[in-house]
Amino acid sequence: FERGQVVLIDAGVIDNSPCADKLVFSDIRAQEENGSVVKVIVEYEEQEPETDADCPTEFQATRPFRFYFIESREKLIFSEEIQWPSSSSSSSSSSSSSSSSSSSTPPTA
């Protein structure tokens, strides 16, 4: 990994039923914040339950995850954004992690 770093985004165990309210990955992007930090923004979109679906009574467990390559060896900070379907605004939260060039290009999934 001379050119960059691999990031794992793990949503944990969720109910994959069509009747379950859940957050799904929608995008990831990386941008250089300064000479020593790259900000990785992970976007989620709320998926509302289907109203006309035949809802199962049991939990349908799944554990969605994705790997992304960040073309940078700088420290990474993370921000999450959630797009809610009922409004055009997004909510965000941040956490940080460190790792050790200067360009940041998200991979194609």
N, C-alpha and C. Protein backbone atom coordinates (compact mmCIF):
# COMPACT_ATOMS: atom_id res chain seq x y z
N PHE A 1 0.83 -1.19 0.00
CA PHE A 1 0.00 0.00 0.00
C PHE A 1 0.87 1.25 0.00
N GLU A 2 1.60 1.41 -1.05
CA GLU A 2 2.47 2.57 -1.17
C GLU A 2 1.70 3.82 -1.62
N ARG A 3 0.60 3.65 -2.35
CA ARG A 3 -0.14 4.78 -2.89
C ARG A 3 -1.35 5.18 -2.05
N GLY A 4 -1.79 4.33 -1.15
CA GLY A 4 -3.00 4.67 -0.42
C GLY A 4 -3.34 3.69 0.66
N GLN A 5 -4.63 3.72 1.06
CA GLN A 5 -5.14 2.93 2.16
C GLN A 5 -6.49 2.32 1.78
N VAL A 6 -6.80 1.20 2.40
CA VAL A 6 -8.10 0.57 2.20
C VAL A 6 -8.95 0.86 3.43
N VAL A 7 -10.18 1.26 3.18
CA VAL A 7 -11.13 1.57 4.25
C VAL A 7 -12.27 0.56 4.16
N LEU A 8 -12.65 0.00 5.31
CA LEU A 8 -13.79 -0.90 5.38
C LEU A 8 -14.95 -0.14 6.03
N ILE A 9 -16.08 -0.10 5.33
CA ILE A 9 -17.30 0.48 5.89
C ILE A 9 -18.22 -0.70 6.19
N ASP A 10 -18.53 -0.89 7.47
CA ASP A 10 -19.32 -2.02 7.92
C ASP A 10 -20.58 -1.48 8.58
N ALA A 11 -21.74 -1.84 8.06
CA ALA A 11 -23.00 -1.34 8.60
C ALA A 11 -23.50 -2.13 9.80
N GLY A 12 -22.80 -3.20 10.15
CA GLY A 12 -23.26 -4.03 11.25
C GLY A 12 -24.42 -4.91 10.81
N VAL A 13 -25.00 -5.63 11.72
CA VAL A 13 -26.12 -6.51 11.40
C VAL A 13 -27.39 -5.68 11.34
N ILE A 14 -28.10 -5.77 10.22
CA ILE A 14 -29.36 -5.03 10.05
C ILE A 14 -30.44 -5.99 9.57
N ASP A 15 -31.68 -5.56 9.70
CA ASP A 15 -32.83 -6.33 9.20
C ASP A 15 -33.02 -5.97 7.73
N ASN A 16 -32.89 -6.96 6.86
CA ASN A 16 -32.99 -6.73 5.41
C ASN A 16 -34.40 -6.95 4.88
N SER A 17 -35.37 -7.03 5.75
CA SER A 17 -36.76 -7.20 5.34
C SER A 17 -37.21 -5.97 4.56
N PRO A 18 -38.07 -6.15 3.54
CA PRO A 18 -38.59 -4.98 2.81
C PRO A 18 -39.43 -4.07 3.70
N CYS A 19 -39.82 -4.55 4.86
CA CYS A 19 -40.65 -3.77 5.78
C CYS A 19 -39.83 -3.05 6.83
N ALA A 20 -38.51 -3.24 6.82
CA ALA A 20 -37.65 -2.62 7.84
C ALA A 20 -37.16 -1.26 7.37
N ASP A 21 -37.11 -0.35 8.31
CA ASP A 21 -36.52 0.97 8.08
C ASP A 21 -35.02 0.82 8.26
N LYS A 22 -34.21 1.24 7.26
CA LYS A 22 -32.77 1.04 7.36
C LYS A 22 -32.01 2.12 6.61
N LEU A 23 -30.73 2.22 6.94
CA LEU A 23 -29.82 3.11 6.23
C LEU A 23 -29.01 2.27 5.25
N VAL A 24 -28.85 2.77 4.02
CA VAL A 24 -28.07 2.07 3.01
C VAL A 24 -26.96 2.99 2.52
N PHE A 25 -25.82 2.41 2.15
CA PHE A 25 -24.72 3.20 1.60
C PHE A 25 -25.17 3.86 0.31
N SER A 26 -24.81 5.12 0.12
CA SER A 26 -25.11 5.76 -1.16
C SER A 26 -23.85 6.31 -1.84
N ASP A 27 -22.84 6.73 -1.06
CA ASP A 27 -21.65 7.29 -1.69
C ASP A 27 -20.52 7.40 -0.67
N ILE A 28 -19.32 7.48 -1.18
CA ILE A 28 -18.16 7.78 -0.36
C ILE A 28 -17.24 8.65 -1.20
N ARG A 29 -16.65 9.64 -0.55
CA ARG A 29 -15.70 10.50 -1.26
C ARG A 29 -14.62 10.94 -0.29
N ALA A 30 -13.48 11.28 -0.84
CA ALA A 30 -12.37 11.72 -0.01
C ALA A 30 -11.85 13.04 -0.56
N GLN A 31 -11.50 13.94 0.34
CA GLN A 31 -10.96 15.24 -0.07
C GLN A 31 -9.86 15.65 0.90
N GLU A 32 -8.82 16.22 0.35
CA GLU A 32 -7.71 16.66 1.18
C GLU A 32 -8.14 17.89 1.97
N GLU A 33 -7.93 17.86 3.27
CA GLU A 33 -8.29 18.98 4.14
C GLU A 33 -7.12 19.94 4.30
N ASN A 34 -5.94 19.41 4.43
CA ASN A 34 -4.72 20.20 4.48
C ASN A 34 -3.58 19.26 4.09
N GLY A 35 -2.37 19.64 4.28
CA GLY A 35 -1.25 18.82 3.84
C GLY A 35 -1.08 17.51 4.56
N SER A 36 -1.79 17.30 5.69
CA SER A 36 -1.56 16.07 6.45
C SER A 36 -2.83 15.29 6.79
N VAL A 37 -4.00 15.74 6.31
CA VAL A 37 -5.26 15.09 6.65
C VAL A 37 -6.15 14.96 5.42
N VAL A 38 -6.79 13.81 5.28
CA VAL A 38 -7.77 13.59 4.23
C VAL A 38 -9.11 13.30 4.90
N LYS A 39 -10.16 14.01 4.51
CA LYS A 39 -11.49 13.80 5.06
C LYS A 39 -12.24 12.81 4.17
N VAL A 40 -12.72 11.74 4.79
CA VAL A 40 -13.50 10.72 4.09
C VAL A 40 -14.96 10.91 4.49
N ILE A 41 -15.81 11.19 3.53
CA ILE A 41 -17.22 11.43 3.79
C ILE A 41 -18.02 10.22 3.30
N VAL A 42 -18.71 9.58 4.23
CA VAL A 42 -19.53 8.41 3.91
C VAL A 42 -20.98 8.86 3.95
N GLU A 43 -21.70 8.64 2.84
CA GLU A 43 -23.10 9.05 2.77
C GLU A 43 -24.01 7.83 2.83
N TYR A 44 -25.07 7.98 3.59
CA TYR A 44 -26.10 6.96 3.72
C TYR A 44 -27.43 7.58 3.30
N GLU A 45 -28.33 6.74 2.90
CA GLU A 45 -29.68 7.19 2.57
C GLU A 45 -30.65 6.33 3.35
N GLU A 46 -31.64 6.98 3.95
CA GLU A 46 -32.64 6.21 4.67
C GLU A 46 -33.54 5.52 3.66
N GLN A 47 -33.75 4.23 3.86
CA GLN A 47 -34.66 3.48 3.01
C GLN A 47 -35.89 3.17 3.85
N GLU A 48 -36.99 3.77 3.46
CA GLU A 48 -38.23 3.59 4.21
C GLU A 48 -38.84 2.23 3.91
N PRO A 49 -39.58 1.68 4.84
CA PRO A 49 -40.23 0.39 4.62
C PRO A 49 -41.23 0.47 3.47
N GLU A 50 -41.34 -0.63 2.75
CA GLU A 50 -42.35 -0.70 1.69
C GLU A 50 -43.71 -0.88 2.34
N THR A 51 -44.64 -0.06 1.96
CA THR A 51 -45.96 -0.11 2.61
C THR A 51 -46.82 -1.24 2.08
N ASP A 52 -46.60 -1.67 0.84
CA ASP A 52 -47.44 -2.71 0.26
C ASP A 52 -46.76 -4.08 0.27
N ALA A 53 -45.65 -4.21 0.96
CA ALA A 53 -44.91 -5.47 0.98
C ALA A 53 -45.54 -6.47 1.95
N ASP A 54 -45.33 -7.75 1.65
CA ASP A 54 -45.75 -8.80 2.55
C ASP A 54 -44.67 -8.94 3.60
N CYS A 55 -44.92 -8.45 4.78
CA CYS A 55 -43.88 -8.36 5.81
C CYS A 55 -43.69 -9.67 6.55
N PRO A 56 -42.46 -10.17 6.55
CA PRO A 56 -42.19 -11.39 7.32
C PRO A 56 -42.18 -11.07 8.81
N THR A 57 -42.44 -12.07 9.61
CA THR A 57 -42.48 -11.85 11.05
C THR A 57 -41.11 -12.03 11.69
N GLU A 58 -40.16 -12.61 10.95
CA GLU A 58 -38.84 -12.84 11.53
C GLU A 58 -37.82 -11.85 10.98
N PHE A 59 -36.80 -11.66 11.77
CA PHE A 59 -35.68 -10.78 11.44
C PHE A 59 -34.87 -11.40 10.29
N GLN A 60 -34.65 -10.64 9.21
CA GLN A 60 -33.86 -11.12 8.07
C GLN A 60 -32.48 -10.46 8.14
N ALA A 61 -31.57 -11.11 8.85
CA ALA A 61 -30.27 -10.52 9.14
C ALA A 61 -29.37 -10.48 7.91
N THR A 62 -28.69 -9.35 7.76
CA THR A 62 -27.64 -9.18 6.76
C THR A 62 -26.60 -8.25 7.37
N ARG A 63 -25.40 -8.31 6.84
CA ARG A 63 -24.34 -7.44 7.35
C ARG A 63 -23.64 -6.78 6.15
N PRO A 64 -24.20 -5.68 5.64
CA PRO A 64 -23.60 -5.04 4.46
C PRO A 64 -22.27 -4.37 4.79
N PHE A 65 -21.32 -4.52 3.87
CA PHE A 65 -20.02 -3.90 4.04
C PHE A 65 -19.45 -3.57 2.66
N ARG A 66 -18.52 -2.65 2.64
CA ARG A 66 -17.83 -2.27 1.41
C ARG A 66 -16.39 -1.93 1.73
N PHE A 67 -15.52 -2.21 0.78
CA PHE A 67 -14.13 -1.80 0.85
C PHE A 67 -13.93 -0.65 -0.13
N TYR A 68 -13.15 0.34 0.26
CA TYR A 68 -12.82 1.46 -0.61
C TYR A 68 -11.32 1.72 -0.54
N PHE A 69 -10.77 2.13 -1.65
CA PHE A 69 -9.36 2.50 -1.69
C PHE A 69 -9.27 4.02 -1.68
N ILE A 70 -8.54 4.56 -0.73
CA ILE A 70 -8.31 6.00 -0.63
C ILE A 70 -6.88 6.25 -1.08
N GLU A 71 -6.73 6.99 -2.15
CA GLU A 71 -5.41 7.22 -2.72
C GLU A 71 -4.69 8.33 -1.95
N SER A 72 -4.29 7.98 -0.75
CA SER A 72 -3.54 8.89 0.12
C SER A 72 -2.96 8.08 1.26
N ARG A 73 -1.81 8.49 1.73
CA ARG A 73 -1.19 7.86 2.90
C ARG A 73 -1.30 8.77 4.13
N GLU A 74 -2.00 9.88 4.00
CA GLU A 74 -2.15 10.83 5.10
C GLU A 74 -3.15 10.30 6.13
N LYS A 75 -3.23 10.97 7.27
CA LYS A 75 -4.21 10.62 8.30
C LYS A 75 -5.61 10.82 7.74
N LEU A 76 -6.53 9.93 8.13
CA LEU A 76 -7.91 10.02 7.67
C LEU A 76 -8.81 10.46 8.81
N ILE A 77 -9.73 11.35 8.50
CA ILE A 77 -10.81 11.68 9.42
C ILE A 77 -12.10 11.33 8.70
N PHE A 78 -13.10 10.92 9.43
CA PHE A 78 -14.33 10.44 8.84
C PHE A 78 -15.52 11.31 9.22
N SER A 79 -16.41 11.48 8.28
CA SER A 79 -17.65 12.19 8.50
C SER A 79 -18.76 11.36 7.86
N GLU A 80 -19.90 11.28 8.51
CA GLU A 80 -21.04 10.56 7.96
C GLU A 80 -22.17 11.54 7.69
N GLU A 81 -22.84 11.35 6.57
CA GLU A 81 -23.99 12.17 6.22
C GLU A 81 -25.16 11.24 5.92
N ILE A 82 -26.34 11.62 6.38
CA ILE A 82 -27.53 10.82 6.15
C ILE A 82 -28.53 11.66 5.37
N GLN A 83 -28.99 11.12 4.26
CA GLN A 83 -30.03 11.77 3.47
C GLN A 83 -31.37 11.16 3.85
N TRP A 84 -32.25 12.01 4.34
CA TRP A 84 -33.59 11.57 4.73
C TRP A 84 -34.54 11.81 3.59
N PRO A 85 -35.40 10.89 3.21
CA PRO A 85 -36.28 11.07 2.06
C PRO A 85 -37.32 12.16 2.23
N SER A 86 -37.72 12.48 3.45
CA SER A 86 -38.78 13.47 3.65
C SER A 86 -38.27 14.91 3.65
N SER A 87 -36.94 15.11 3.56
CA SER A 87 -36.41 16.47 3.51
C SER A 87 -35.16 16.50 2.68
N SER A 88 -34.77 17.67 2.26
CA SER A 88 -33.56 17.80 1.43
C SER A 88 -32.32 18.04 2.27
N SER A 89 -32.49 18.16 3.58
CA SER A 89 -31.32 18.40 4.43
C SER A 89 -30.70 17.07 4.85
N SER A 90 -29.46 17.15 5.28
CA SER A 90 -28.78 15.94 5.74
C SER A 90 -28.25 16.18 7.14
N SER A 91 -28.10 15.09 7.85
CA SER A 91 -27.53 15.13 9.18
C SER A 91 -26.14 14.55 9.08
N SER A 92 -25.22 15.05 9.87
CA SER A 92 -23.87 14.49 9.80
C SER A 92 -23.28 14.36 11.18
N SER A 93 -22.34 13.42 11.27
CA SER A 93 -21.57 13.25 12.49
C SER A 93 -20.16 12.91 12.09
N SER A 94 -19.23 13.08 12.98
CA SER A 94 -17.83 12.83 12.65
C SER A 94 -17.16 11.96 13.68
N SER A 95 -16.16 11.25 13.22
CA SER A 95 -15.26 10.53 14.10
C SER A 95 -13.91 10.54 13.42
N SER A 96 -12.87 10.18 14.13
CA SER A 96 -11.57 10.23 13.49
C SER A 96 -10.80 8.95 13.68
N SER A 97 -9.90 8.74 12.76
CA SER A 97 -9.01 7.60 12.80
C SER A 97 -7.72 8.05 12.14
N SER A 98 -6.62 7.48 12.50
CA SER A 98 -5.39 7.92 11.86
C SER A 98 -4.75 6.81 11.09
N SER A 99 -3.98 7.18 10.13
CA SER A 99 -3.23 6.28 9.29
C SER A 99 -2.10 7.10 8.71
N SER A 100 -1.31 6.53 8.02
CA SER A 100 -0.28 7.40 7.52
C SER A 100 -0.09 7.45 6.02
N SER A 101 0.12 11.47 -0.57
CA SER A 101 0.34 11.78 -0.91
C SER A 101 -0.76 12.71 -0.90
N SER A 102 -1.14 12.91 -1.59
CA SER A 102 -1.86 14.16 -1.54
C SER A 102 -3.15 14.10 -2.33
N SER A 103 -3.34 13.13 -3.17
CA SER A 103 -4.56 13.10 -3.96
C SER A 103 -5.49 12.06 -3.35
N SER A 104 -6.79 12.29 -3.48
CA SER A 104 -7.76 11.35 -2.93
C SER A 104 -8.82 11.05 -3.97
N THR A 105 -8.90 9.83 -4.38
CA THR A 105 -9.85 9.43 -5.39
C THR A 105 -10.63 8.23 -4.88
N PRO A 106 -11.98 8.33 -4.78
CA PRO A 106 -12.73 7.18 -4.34
C PRO A 106 -12.75 6.12 -5.44
N PRO A 107 -12.78 4.86 -5.07
CA PRO A 107 -12.80 3.80 -6.06
C PRO A 107 -14.18 3.65 -6.67
N THR A 108 -14.26 2.94 -7.74
CA THR A 108 -15.56 2.62 -8.30
C THR A 108 -16.03 1.32 -7.68
N ALA A 109 -17.29 1.24 -7.38
CA ALA A 109 -17.80 0.05 -6.71
C ALA A 109 -18.37 -0.92 -7.71
